[in-house]
Full PDB file with SEQRES, HELIX, SHEET, SSBOND, CRYST1, ORIGX, SCALE, CONECT and MASTER records, all heavy atoms in Angstrom:
SEQRES   1 A   41  GLN GLU GLY HIS SER ARG GLU VAL PHE ALA LEU ARG PHE          
SEQRES   2 A   41  GLN LYS ASP GLY ALA LEU VAL ALA SER ALA GLY LEU ASP          
SEQRES   3 A   41  GLY VAL GLY ARG VAL TRP ASP LEU ARG SER GLY ARG SER          
SEQRES   4 A   41  ILE MET                                                      
SHEET    1 AA1 3 VAL A   8  PHE A  13  0                                        
SHEET    2 AA1 3 LEU A  19  GLY A  24 -1                                        
SHEET    3 AA1 3 GLY A  29  ASP A  33 -1                                        
CRYST1    1.000    1.000    1.000  90.00  90.00  90.00 P 1           1          
ORIGX1      1.000000  0.000000  0.000000        0.00000                         
ORIGX2      0.000000  1.000000  0.000000        0.00000                         
ORIGX3      0.000000  0.000000  1.000000        0.00000                         
SCALE1      1.000000  0.000000  0.000000        0.00000                         
SCALE2      0.000000  1.000000  0.000000        0.00000                         
SCALE3      0.000000  0.000000  1.000000        0.00000                         
ATOM      1  N   GLN A   1      -3.948   2.924  -7.858  1.00  0.00           N  
ATOM      2  CA  GLN A   1      -2.556   2.922  -7.438  1.00  0.00           C  
ATOM      3  C   GLN A   1      -1.835   1.694  -7.974  1.00  0.00           C  
ATOM      4  O   GLN A   1      -2.209   0.570  -7.643  1.00  0.00           O  
ATOM      5  CB  GLN A   1      -2.437   2.993  -5.913  1.00  0.00           C  
ATOM      6  CG  GLN A   1      -1.073   3.423  -5.435  1.00  0.00           C  
ATOM      7  CD  GLN A   1      -0.650   4.790  -5.953  1.00  0.00           C  
ATOM      8  OE1 GLN A   1       0.128   4.871  -6.847  1.00  0.00           O  
ATOM      9  NE2 GLN A   1      -1.210   5.833  -5.385  1.00  0.00           N  
ATOM     10  N   GLU A   2      -0.832   1.921  -8.757  1.00  0.00           N  
ATOM     11  CA  GLU A   2       0.034   0.844  -9.259  1.00  0.00           C  
ATOM     12  C   GLU A   2       1.422   1.067  -8.700  1.00  0.00           C  
ATOM     13  O   GLU A   2       1.917   2.179  -8.689  1.00  0.00           O  
ATOM     14  CB  GLU A   2       0.055   0.851 -10.782  1.00  0.00           C  
ATOM     15  CG  GLU A   2      -1.285   0.573 -11.416  1.00  0.00           C  
ATOM     16  CD  GLU A   2      -1.292   0.712 -12.932  1.00  0.00           C  
ATOM     17  OE1 GLU A   2      -0.671   1.679 -13.409  1.00  0.00           O  
ATOM     18  OE2 GLU A   2      -1.930  -0.095 -13.592  1.00  0.00           O  
ATOM     19  N   GLY A   3       2.074   0.003  -8.271  1.00  0.00           N  
ATOM     20  CA  GLY A   3       3.395   0.122  -7.678  1.00  0.00           C  
ATOM     21  C   GLY A   3       3.995  -1.226  -7.361  1.00  0.00           C  
ATOM     22  O   GLY A   3       5.167  -1.337  -7.058  1.00  0.00           O  
ATOM     23  N   HIS A   4       3.161  -2.260  -7.448  1.00  0.00           N  
ATOM     24  CA  HIS A   4       3.624  -3.627  -7.231  1.00  0.00           C  
ATOM     25  C   HIS A   4       3.942  -4.266  -8.574  1.00  0.00           C  
ATOM     26  O   HIS A   4       3.275  -4.013  -9.575  1.00  0.00           O  
ATOM     27  CB  HIS A   4       2.560  -4.427  -6.501  1.00  0.00           C  
ATOM     28  CG  HIS A   4       2.389  -4.029  -5.066  1.00  0.00           C  
ATOM     29  ND1 HIS A   4       3.209  -4.502  -4.056  1.00  0.00           N  
ATOM     30  CD2 HIS A   4       1.491  -3.207  -4.469  1.00  0.00           C  
ATOM     31  CE1 HIS A   4       2.806  -3.971  -2.908  1.00  0.00           C  
ATOM     32  NE2 HIS A   4       1.769  -3.171  -3.123  1.00  0.00           N  
ATOM     33  N   SER A   5       4.964  -5.118  -8.581  1.00  0.00           N  
ATOM     34  CA  SER A   5       5.384  -5.773  -9.820  1.00  0.00           C  
ATOM     35  C   SER A   5       4.565  -7.028 -10.111  1.00  0.00           C  
ATOM     36  O   SER A   5       4.634  -7.557 -11.221  1.00  0.00           O  
ATOM     37  CB  SER A   5       6.860  -6.158  -9.749  1.00  0.00           C  
ATOM     38  OG  SER A   5       7.112  -7.063  -8.688  1.00  0.00           O  
ATOM     39  N   ARG A   6       3.772  -7.476  -9.138  1.00  0.00           N  
ATOM     40  CA  ARG A   6       2.914  -8.645  -9.346  1.00  0.00           C  
ATOM     41  C   ARG A   6       1.540  -8.372  -8.706  1.00  0.00           C  
ATOM     42  O   ARG A   6       1.240  -7.254  -8.318  1.00  0.00           O  
ATOM     43  CB  ARG A   6       3.561  -9.886  -8.743  1.00  0.00           C  
ATOM     44  CG  ARG A   6       4.781 -10.401  -9.521  1.00  0.00           C  
ATOM     45  CD  ARG A   6       5.185 -11.777  -9.041  1.00  0.00           C  
ATOM     46  NE  ARG A   6       4.102 -12.775  -9.227  1.00  0.00           N  
ATOM     47  CZ  ARG A   6       4.141 -14.005  -8.721  1.00  0.00           C  
ATOM     48  NH1 ARG A   6       5.153 -14.394  -7.971  1.00  0.00           N  
ATOM     49  NH2 ARG A   6       3.106 -14.835  -8.941  1.00  0.00           N  
ATOM     50  N   GLU A   7       0.758  -9.437  -8.558  1.00  0.00           N  
ATOM     51  CA  GLU A   7      -0.604  -9.320  -8.039  1.00  0.00           C  
ATOM     52  C   GLU A   7      -0.619  -8.753  -6.619  1.00  0.00           C  
ATOM     53  O   GLU A   7       0.227  -9.086  -5.784  1.00  0.00           O  
ATOM     54  CB  GLU A   7      -1.272 -10.685  -8.038  1.00  0.00           C  
ATOM     55  CG  GLU A   7      -1.424 -11.311  -9.442  1.00  0.00           C  
ATOM     56  CD  GLU A   7      -0.238 -12.153  -9.851  1.00  0.00           C  
ATOM     57  OE1 GLU A   7       0.866 -11.930  -9.334  1.00  0.00           O  
ATOM     58  OE2 GLU A   7      -0.411 -13.031 -10.717  1.00  0.00           O  
ATOM     59  N   VAL A   8      -1.599  -7.874  -6.341  1.00  0.00           N  
ATOM     60  CA  VAL A   8      -1.776  -7.337  -4.994  1.00  0.00           C  
ATOM     61  C   VAL A   8      -2.778  -8.216  -4.252  1.00  0.00           C  
ATOM     62  O   VAL A   8      -3.879  -8.489  -4.777  1.00  0.00           O  
ATOM     63  CB  VAL A   8      -2.277  -5.882  -5.022  1.00  0.00           C  
ATOM     64  CG1 VAL A   8      -2.367  -5.326  -3.614  1.00  0.00           C  
ATOM     65  CG2 VAL A   8      -1.334  -5.023  -5.870  1.00  0.00           C  
ATOM     66  N   PHE A   9      -2.404  -8.708  -3.064  1.00  0.00           N  
ATOM     67  CA  PHE A   9      -3.213  -9.682  -2.379  1.00  0.00           C  
ATOM     68  C   PHE A   9      -3.838  -9.144  -1.085  1.00  0.00           C  
ATOM     69  O   PHE A   9      -4.902  -9.601  -0.674  1.00  0.00           O  
ATOM     70  CB  PHE A   9      -2.382 -10.921  -2.029  1.00  0.00           C  
ATOM     71  CG  PHE A   9      -3.179 -12.158  -1.761  1.00  0.00           C  
ATOM     72  CD1 PHE A   9      -3.523 -13.024  -2.785  1.00  0.00           C  
ATOM     73  CD2 PHE A   9      -3.633 -12.445  -0.486  1.00  0.00           C  
ATOM     74  CE1 PHE A   9      -4.251 -14.146  -2.557  1.00  0.00           C  
ATOM     75  CE2 PHE A   9      -4.398 -13.576  -0.250  1.00  0.00           C  
ATOM     76  CZ  PHE A   9      -4.712 -14.442  -1.280  1.00  0.00           C  
ATOM     77  N   ALA A  10      -3.216  -8.161  -0.423  1.00  0.00           N  
ATOM     78  CA  ALA A  10      -3.715  -7.695   0.876  1.00  0.00           C  
ATOM     79  C   ALA A  10      -3.706  -6.144   0.899  1.00  0.00           C  
ATOM     80  O   ALA A  10      -2.861  -5.509   0.321  1.00  0.00           O  
ATOM     81  CB  ALA A  10      -2.824  -8.221   1.995  1.00  0.00           C  
ATOM     82  N   LEU A  11      -4.677  -5.632   1.639  1.00  0.00           N  
ATOM     83  CA  LEU A  11      -4.828  -4.179   1.765  1.00  0.00           C  
ATOM     84  C   LEU A  11      -5.447  -3.885   3.142  1.00  0.00           C  
ATOM     85  O   LEU A  11      -6.469  -4.458   3.485  1.00  0.00           O  
ATOM     86  CB  LEU A  11      -5.718  -3.625   0.663  1.00  0.00           C  
ATOM     87  CG  LEU A  11      -5.884  -2.117   0.610  1.00  0.00           C  
ATOM     88  CD1 LEU A  11      -4.683  -1.483  -0.098  1.00  0.00           C  
ATOM     89  CD2 LEU A  11      -7.167  -1.733  -0.146  1.00  0.00           C  
ATOM     90  N   ARG A  12      -4.804  -2.979   3.905  1.00  0.00           N  
ATOM     91  CA  ARG A  12      -5.352  -2.637   5.223  1.00  0.00           C  
ATOM     92  C   ARG A  12      -5.140  -1.144   5.500  1.00  0.00           C  
ATOM     93  O   ARG A  12      -4.039  -0.608   5.351  1.00  0.00           O  
ATOM     94  CB  ARG A  12      -4.661  -3.445   6.337  1.00  0.00           C  
ATOM     95  CG  ARG A  12      -4.916  -4.930   6.271  1.00  0.00           C  
ATOM     96  CD  ARG A  12      -6.337  -5.303   6.659  1.00  0.00           C  
ATOM     97  NE  ARG A  12      -6.543  -5.128   8.095  1.00  0.00           N  
ATOM     98  CZ  ARG A  12      -7.684  -5.371   8.696  1.00  0.00           C  
ATOM     99  NH1 ARG A  12      -8.737  -5.809   8.032  1.00  0.00           N  
ATOM    100  NH2 ARG A  12      -7.809  -5.198   9.998  1.00  0.00           N  
ATOM    101  N   PHE A  13      -6.217  -0.483   5.974  1.00  0.00           N  
ATOM    102  CA  PHE A  13      -6.134   0.937   6.354  1.00  0.00           C  
ATOM    103  C   PHE A  13      -5.665   1.066   7.804  1.00  0.00           C  
ATOM    104  O   PHE A  13      -6.056   0.278   8.661  1.00  0.00           O  
ATOM    105  CB  PHE A  13      -7.499   1.598   6.216  1.00  0.00           C  
ATOM    106  CG  PHE A  13      -7.943   1.819   4.811  1.00  0.00           C  
ATOM    107  CD1 PHE A  13      -8.890   0.982   4.241  1.00  0.00           C  
ATOM    108  CD2 PHE A  13      -7.431   2.849   4.046  1.00  0.00           C  
ATOM    109  CE1 PHE A  13      -9.323   1.171   2.934  1.00  0.00           C  
ATOM    110  CE2 PHE A  13      -7.843   3.053   2.745  1.00  0.00           C  
ATOM    111  CZ  PHE A  13      -8.788   2.184   2.158  1.00  0.00           C  
ATOM    112  N   GLN A  14      -4.824   2.063   8.033  1.00  0.00           N  
ATOM    113  CA  GLN A  14      -4.478   2.474   9.387  1.00  0.00           C  
ATOM    114  C   GLN A  14      -5.736   2.978  10.081  1.00  0.00           C  
ATOM    115  O   GLN A  14      -6.641   3.476   9.416  1.00  0.00           O  
ATOM    116  CB  GLN A  14      -3.384   3.557   9.317  1.00  0.00           C  
ATOM    117  CG  GLN A  14      -2.780   3.954  10.646  1.00  0.00           C  
ATOM    118  CD  GLN A  14      -1.915   5.193  10.476  1.00  0.00           C  
ATOM    119  OE1 GLN A  14      -2.277   6.097   9.732  1.00  0.00           O  
ATOM    120  NE2 GLN A  14      -0.784   5.241  11.163  1.00  0.00           N  
ATOM    121  N   LYS A  15      -5.783   2.883  11.409  1.00  0.00           N  
ATOM    122  CA  LYS A  15      -7.038   3.165  12.111  1.00  0.00           C  
ATOM    123  C   LYS A  15      -7.503   4.603  11.973  1.00  0.00           C  
ATOM    124  O   LYS A  15      -8.704   4.884  12.054  1.00  0.00           O  
ATOM    125  CB  LYS A  15      -6.925   2.795  13.595  1.00  0.00           C  
ATOM    126  CG  LYS A  15      -5.992   3.652  14.406  1.00  0.00           C  
ATOM    127  CD  LYS A  15      -6.059   3.238  15.875  1.00  0.00           C  
ATOM    128  CE  LYS A  15      -5.178   4.146  16.747  1.00  0.00           C  
ATOM    129  NZ  LYS A  15      -5.267   3.768  18.175  1.00  0.00           N  
ATOM    130  N   ASP A  16      -6.583   5.574  11.760  1.00  0.00           N  
ATOM    131  CA  ASP A  16      -7.023   6.975  11.601  1.00  0.00           C  
ATOM    132  C   ASP A  16      -7.287   7.296  10.137  1.00  0.00           C  
ATOM    133  O   ASP A  16      -7.725   8.414   9.815  1.00  0.00           O  
ATOM    134  CB  ASP A  16      -6.014   7.940  12.176  1.00  0.00           C  
ATOM    135  CG  ASP A  16      -4.676   7.939  11.465  1.00  0.00           C  
ATOM    136  OD1 ASP A  16      -4.536   7.241  10.459  1.00  0.00           O  
ATOM    137  OD2 ASP A  16      -3.740   8.630  11.928  1.00  0.00           O  
ATOM    138  N   GLY A  17      -7.026   6.340   9.236  1.00  0.00           N  
ATOM    139  CA  GLY A  17      -7.367   6.527   7.831  1.00  0.00           C  
ATOM    140  C   GLY A  17      -6.390   7.309   6.996  1.00  0.00           C  
ATOM    141  O   GLY A  17      -6.613   7.514   5.806  1.00  0.00           O  
ATOM    142  N   ALA A  18      -5.294   7.749   7.573  1.00  0.00           N  
ATOM    143  CA  ALA A  18      -4.333   8.576   6.836  1.00  0.00           C  
ATOM    144  C   ALA A  18      -3.429   7.720   5.940  1.00  0.00           C  
ATOM    145  O   ALA A  18      -2.961   8.190   4.898  1.00  0.00           O  
ATOM    146  CB  ALA A  18      -3.470   9.393   7.783  1.00  0.00           C  
ATOM    147  N   LEU A  19      -3.179   6.499   6.358  1.00  0.00           N  
ATOM    148  CA  LEU A  19      -2.272   5.611   5.631  1.00  0.00           C  
ATOM    149  C   LEU A  19      -2.967   4.293   5.277  1.00  0.00           C  
ATOM    150  O   LEU A  19      -3.935   3.894   5.925  1.00  0.00           O  
ATOM    151  CB  LEU A  19      -1.028   5.300   6.494  1.00  0.00           C  
ATOM    152  CG  LEU A  19      -0.203   6.458   6.985  1.00  0.00           C  
ATOM    153  CD1 LEU A  19       0.915   5.967   7.906  1.00  0.00           C  
ATOM    154  CD2 LEU A  19       0.373   7.273   5.827  1.00  0.00           C  
ATOM    155  N   VAL A  20      -2.457   3.656   4.240  1.00  0.00           N  
ATOM    156  CA  VAL A  20      -2.953   2.339   3.868  1.00  0.00           C  
ATOM    157  C   VAL A  20      -1.737   1.485   3.463  1.00  0.00           C  
ATOM    158  O   VAL A  20      -0.786   1.986   2.879  1.00  0.00           O  
ATOM    159  CB  VAL A  20      -3.958   2.419   2.702  1.00  0.00           C  
ATOM    160  CG1 VAL A  20      -3.360   3.016   1.455  1.00  0.00           C  
ATOM    161  CG2 VAL A  20      -4.565   1.052   2.428  1.00  0.00           C  
ATOM    162  N   ALA A  21      -1.767   0.220   3.831  1.00  0.00           N  
ATOM    163  CA  ALA A  21      -0.691  -0.693   3.481  1.00  0.00           C  
ATOM    164  C   ALA A  21      -1.196  -1.699   2.454  1.00  0.00           C  
ATOM    165  O   ALA A  21      -2.340  -2.176   2.535  1.00  0.00           O  
ATOM    166  CB  ALA A  21      -0.167  -1.432   4.730  1.00  0.00           C  
ATOM    167  N   SER A  22      -0.340  -2.036   1.487  1.00  0.00           N  
ATOM    168  CA  SER A  22      -0.686  -3.031   0.483  1.00  0.00           C  
ATOM    169  C   SER A  22       0.488  -3.985   0.346  1.00  0.00           C  
ATOM    170  O   SER A  22       1.645  -3.665   0.648  1.00  0.00           O  
ATOM    171  CB  SER A  22      -0.977  -2.361  -0.871  1.00  0.00           C  
ATOM    172  OG  SER A  22       0.181  -1.701  -1.358  1.00  0.00           O  
ATOM    173  N   ALA A  23       0.187  -5.209  -0.077  1.00  0.00           N  
ATOM    174  CA  ALA A  23       1.242  -6.231  -0.258  1.00  0.00           C  
ATOM    175  C   ALA A  23       0.697  -7.293  -1.182  1.00  0.00           C  
ATOM    176  O   ALA A  23      -0.503  -7.393  -1.432  1.00  0.00           O  
ATOM    177  CB  ALA A  23       1.650  -6.819   1.075  1.00  0.00           C  
ATOM    178  N   GLY A  24       1.646  -8.076  -1.720  1.00  0.00           N  
ATOM    179  CA  GLY A  24       1.206  -9.075  -2.646  1.00  0.00           C  
ATOM    180  C   GLY A  24       2.220 -10.136  -3.014  1.00  0.00           C  
ATOM    181  O   GLY A  24       3.137 -10.425  -2.237  1.00  0.00           O  
ATOM    182  N   LEU A  25       2.065 -10.664  -4.203  1.00  0.00           N  
ATOM    183  CA  LEU A  25       2.824 -11.803  -4.617  1.00  0.00           C  
ATOM    184  C   LEU A  25       4.247 -11.471  -5.042  1.00  0.00           C  
ATOM    185  O   LEU A  25       5.038 -12.358  -5.352  1.00  0.00           O  
ATOM    186  CB  LEU A  25       2.104 -12.557  -5.738  1.00  0.00           C  
ATOM    187  CG  LEU A  25       0.658 -12.956  -5.442  1.00  0.00           C  
ATOM    188  CD1 LEU A  25       0.149 -13.938  -6.503  1.00  0.00           C  
ATOM    189  CD2 LEU A  25       0.514 -13.590  -4.045  1.00  0.00           C  
ATOM    190  N   ASP A  26       4.611 -10.181  -5.067  1.00  0.00           N  
ATOM    191  CA  ASP A  26       5.984  -9.792  -5.313  1.00  0.00           C  
ATOM    192  C   ASP A  26       6.817  -9.835  -4.019  1.00  0.00           C  
ATOM    193  O   ASP A  26       8.036  -9.589  -4.064  1.00  0.00           O  
ATOM    194  CB  ASP A  26       6.089  -8.381  -5.924  1.00  0.00           C  
ATOM    195  CG  ASP A  26       5.394  -7.304  -5.111  1.00  0.00           C  
ATOM    196  OD1 ASP A  26       4.920  -7.614  -3.986  1.00  0.00           O  
ATOM    197  OD2 ASP A  26       5.356  -6.153  -5.555  1.00  0.00           O  
ATOM    198  N   GLY A  27       6.190 -10.191  -2.897  1.00  0.00           N  
ATOM    199  CA  GLY A  27       6.894 -10.307  -1.636  1.00  0.00           C  
ATOM    200  C   GLY A  27       7.277  -8.997  -0.985  1.00  0.00           C  
ATOM    201  O   GLY A  27       8.047  -8.956  -0.020  1.00  0.00           O  
ATOM    202  N   VAL A  28       6.725  -7.903  -1.496  1.00  0.00           N  
ATOM    203  CA  VAL A  28       7.017  -6.558  -0.979  1.00  0.00           C  
ATOM    204  C   VAL A  28       5.718  -5.879  -0.533  1.00  0.00           C  
ATOM    205  O   VAL A  28       4.720  -5.963  -1.262  1.00  0.00           O  
ATOM    206  CB  VAL A  28       7.740  -5.705  -2.013  1.00  0.00           C  
ATOM    207  CG1 VAL A  28       7.973  -4.289  -1.511  1.00  0.00           C  
ATOM    208  CG2 VAL A  28       9.083  -6.336  -2.414  1.00  0.00           C  
ATOM    209  N   GLY A  29       5.760  -5.232   0.599  1.00  0.00           N  
ATOM    210  CA  GLY A  29       4.636  -4.445   1.033  1.00  0.00           C  
ATOM    211  C   GLY A  29       4.966  -2.958   0.865  1.00  0.00           C  
ATOM    212  O   GLY A  29       6.120  -2.551   0.794  1.00  0.00           O  
ATOM    213  N   ARG A  30       3.938  -2.137   0.802  1.00  0.00           N  
ATOM    214  CA  ARG A  30       4.125  -0.683   0.679  1.00  0.00           C  
ATOM    215  C   ARG A  30       3.133   0.030   1.592  1.00  0.00           C  
ATOM    216  O   ARG A  30       1.987  -0.413   1.758  1.00  0.00           O  
ATOM    217  CB  ARG A  30       3.951  -0.202  -0.750  1.00  0.00           C  
ATOM    218  CG  ARG A  30       5.022  -0.691  -1.719  1.00  0.00           C  
ATOM    219  CD  ARG A  30       4.822  -0.116  -3.117  1.00  0.00           C  
ATOM    220  NE  ARG A  30       5.868  -0.550  -4.039  1.00  0.00           N  
ATOM    221  CZ  ARG A  30       7.038   0.062  -4.187  1.00  0.00           C  
ATOM    222  NH1 ARG A  30       7.290   1.178  -3.504  1.00  0.00           N  
ATOM    223  NH2 ARG A  30       7.927  -0.406  -5.056  1.00  0.00           N  
ATOM    224  N   VAL A  31       3.576   1.124   2.183  1.00  0.00           N  
ATOM    225  CA  VAL A  31       2.718   1.991   2.940  1.00  0.00           C  
ATOM    226  C   VAL A  31       2.513   3.259   2.127  1.00  0.00           C  
ATOM    227  O   VAL A  31       3.480   3.873   1.677  1.00  0.00           O  
ATOM    228  CB  VAL A  31       3.308   2.314   4.328  1.00  0.00           C  
ATOM    229  CG1 VAL A  31       2.408   3.317   5.071  1.00  0.00           C  
ATOM    230  CG2 VAL A  31       3.522   1.069   5.151  1.00  0.00           C  
ATOM    231  N   TRP A  32       1.242   3.645   1.956  1.00  0.00           N  
ATOM    232  CA  TRP A  32       0.887   4.775   1.108  1.00  0.00           C  
ATOM    233  C   TRP A  32       0.252   5.866   1.937  1.00  0.00           C  
ATOM    234  O   TRP A  32      -0.530   5.614   2.855  1.00  0.00           O  
ATOM    235  CB  TRP A  32      -0.106   4.345   0.047  1.00  0.00           C  
ATOM    236  CG  TRP A  32       0.307   3.173  -0.779  1.00  0.00           C  
ATOM    237  CD1 TRP A  32       0.176   1.847  -0.430  1.00  0.00           C  
ATOM    238  CD2 TRP A  32       0.914   3.190  -2.068  1.00  0.00           C  
ATOM    239  NE1 TRP A  32       0.664   1.034  -1.433  1.00  0.00           N  
ATOM    240  CE2 TRP A  32       1.139   1.817  -2.453  1.00  0.00           C  
ATOM    241  CE3 TRP A  32       1.299   4.208  -2.937  1.00  0.00           C  
ATOM    242  CZ2 TRP A  32       1.700   1.483  -3.671  1.00  0.00           C  
ATOM    243  CZ3 TRP A  32       1.868   3.851  -4.161  1.00  0.00           C  
ATOM    244  CH2 TRP A  32       2.066   2.517  -4.515  1.00  0.00           C  
ATOM    245  N   ASP A  33       0.567   7.109   1.587  1.00  0.00           N  
ATOM    246  CA  ASP A  33      -0.087   8.303   2.181  1.00  0.00           C  
ATOM    247  C   ASP A  33      -1.299   8.626   1.305  1.00  0.00           C  
ATOM    248  O   ASP A  33      -1.137   8.958   0.128  1.00  0.00           O  
ATOM    249  CB  ASP A  33       0.894   9.477   2.203  1.00  0.00           C  
ATOM    250  CG  ASP A  33       0.312  10.685   2.933  1.00  0.00           C  
ATOM    251  OD1 ASP A  33      -0.919  10.862   2.911  1.00  0.00           O  
ATOM    252  OD2 ASP A  33       1.103  11.466   3.515  1.00  0.00           O  
ATOM    253  N   LEU A  34      -2.496   8.485   1.874  1.00  0.00           N  
ATOM    254  CA  LEU A  34      -3.707   8.689   1.067  1.00  0.00           C  
ATOM    255  C   LEU A  34      -3.868  10.137   0.619  1.00  0.00           C  
ATOM    256  O   LEU A  34      -4.546  10.414  -0.380  1.00  0.00           O  
ATOM    257  CB  LEU A  34      -4.920   8.245   1.835  1.00  0.00           C  
ATOM    258  CG  LEU A  34      -5.177   6.729   1.912  1.00  0.00           C  
ATOM    259  CD1 LEU A  34      -6.413   6.442   2.754  1.00  0.00           C  
ATOM    260  CD2 LEU A  34      -5.337   6.134   0.521  1.00  0.00           C  
ATOM    261  N   ARG A  35      -3.262  11.070   1.338  1.00  0.00           N  
ATOM    262  CA  ARG A  35      -3.424  12.478   0.984  1.00  0.00           C  
ATOM    263  C   ARG A  35      -2.620  12.819  -0.284  1.00  0.00           C  
ATOM    264  O   ARG A  35      -3.073  13.591  -1.121  1.00  0.00           O  
ATOM    265  CB  ARG A  35      -2.956  13.363   2.152  1.00  0.00           C  
ATOM    266  CG  ARG A  35      -3.876  13.265   3.361  1.00  0.00           C  
ATOM    267  CD  ARG A  35      -3.198  13.789   4.602  1.00  0.00           C  
ATOM    268  NE  ARG A  35      -2.101  12.909   5.017  1.00  0.00           N  
ATOM    269  CZ  ARG A  35      -1.482  12.986   6.191  1.00  0.00           C  
ATOM    270  NH1 ARG A  35      -1.832  13.903   7.060  1.00  0.00           N  
ATOM    271  NH2 ARG A  35      -0.479  12.175   6.485  1.00  0.00           N  
ATOM    272  N   SER A  36      -1.442  12.223  -0.417  1.00  0.00           N  
ATOM    273  CA  SER A  36      -0.611  12.499  -1.609  1.00  0.00           C  
ATOM    274  C   SER A  36      -0.653  11.374  -2.616  1.00  0.00           C  
ATOM    275  O   SER A  36      -0.293  11.581  -3.786  1.00  0.00           O  
ATOM    276  CB  SER A  36       0.851  12.722  -1.170  1.00  0.00           C  
ATOM    277  OG  SER A  36       1.400  11.501  -0.618  1.00  0.00           O  
ATOM    278  N   GLY A  37      -1.095  10.180  -2.202  1.00  0.00           N  
ATOM    279  CA  GLY A  37      -1.085   9.037  -3.101  1.00  0.00           C  
ATOM    280  C   GLY A  37       0.280   8.447  -3.301  1.00  0.00           C  
ATOM    281  O   GLY A  37       0.467   7.576  -4.176  1.00  0.00           O  
ATOM    282  N   ARG A  38       1.263   8.821  -2.502  1.00  0.00           N  
ATOM    283  CA  ARG A  38       2.623   8.368  -2.691  1.00  0.00           C  
ATOM    284  C   ARG A  38       2.981   7.258  -1.709  1.00  0.00           C  
ATOM    285  O   ARG A  38       2.469   7.207  -0.590  1.00  0.00           O  
ATOM    286  CB  ARG A  38       3.613   9.529  -2.500  1.00  0.00           C  
ATOM    287  CG  ARG A  38       3.494  10.614  -3.568  1.00  0.00           C  
ATOM    288  CD  ARG A  38       4.499  11.711  -3.355  1.00  0.00           C  
ATOM    289  NE  ARG A  38       4.463  12.716  -4.386  1.00  0.00           N  
ATOM    290  CZ  ARG A  38       5.241  13.793  -4.437  1.00  0.00           C  
ATOM    291  NH1 ARG A  38       6.141  13.966  -3.464  1.00  0.00           N  
ATOM    292  NH2 ARG A  38       5.140  14.660  -5.414  1.00  0.00           N  
ATOM    293  N   SER A  39       3.880   6.385  -2.145  1.00  0.00           N  
ATOM    294  CA  SER A  39       4.425   5.358  -1.278  1.00  0.00           C  
ATOM    295  C   SER A  39       5.475   5.963  -0.367  1.00  0.00           C  
ATOM    296  O   SER A  39       6.420   6.620  -0.854  1.00  0.00           O  
ATOM    297  CB  SER A  39       5.056   4.226  -2.110  1.00  0.00           C  
ATOM    298  OG  SER A  39       5.700   3.299  -1.304  1.00  0.00           O  
ATOM    299  N   ILE A  40       5.320   5.789   0.956  1.00  0.00           N  
ATOM    300  CA  ILE A  40       6.245   6.428   1.890  1.00  0.00           C  
ATOM    301  C   ILE A  40       7.194   5.414   2.579  1.00  0.00           C  
ATOM    302  O   ILE A  40       8.110   5.781   3.262  1.00  0.00           O  
ATOM    303  CB  ILE A  40       5.478   7.218   2.981  1.00  0.00           C  
ATOM    304  CG1 ILE A  40       4.593   6.292   3.806  1.00  0.00           C  
ATOM    305  CG2 ILE A  40       4.656   8.355   2.353  1.00  0.00           C  
ATOM    306  CD1 ILE A  40       3.976   6.970   5.031  1.00  0.00           C  
ATOM    307  N   MET A  41       6.922   4.106   2.364  1.00  0.00           N  
ATOM    308  CA  MET A  41       7.756   3.094   2.981  1.00  0.00           C  
ATOM    309  C   MET A  41       7.574   1.746   2.273  1.00  0.00           C  
ATOM    310  O   MET A  41       6.454   1.392   1.929  1.00  0.00           O  
ATOM    311  CB  MET A  41       7.423   2.931   4.494  1.00  0.00           C  
ATOM    312  CG  MET A  41       8.244   1.898   5.217  1.00  0.00           C  
ATOM    313  SD  MET A  41       7.809   1.805   6.981  1.00  0.00           S  
ATOM    314  CE  MET A  41       8.774   0.376   7.492  1.00  0.00           C  
TER     315      MET A  41                                                      
MASTER        0    0    0    0    3    0    0    6  314    1    0    4          
END                                                                             
């Protein structure tokens, strides 16, 4: 999954495993739907 403009530093799964959050040195975080692979927030 590519979507950040700079280095990705953090990654955490939601407890039910449906979503994952990523964030990094671009100062922006993203929430991804693992079923579709799309950024939803």
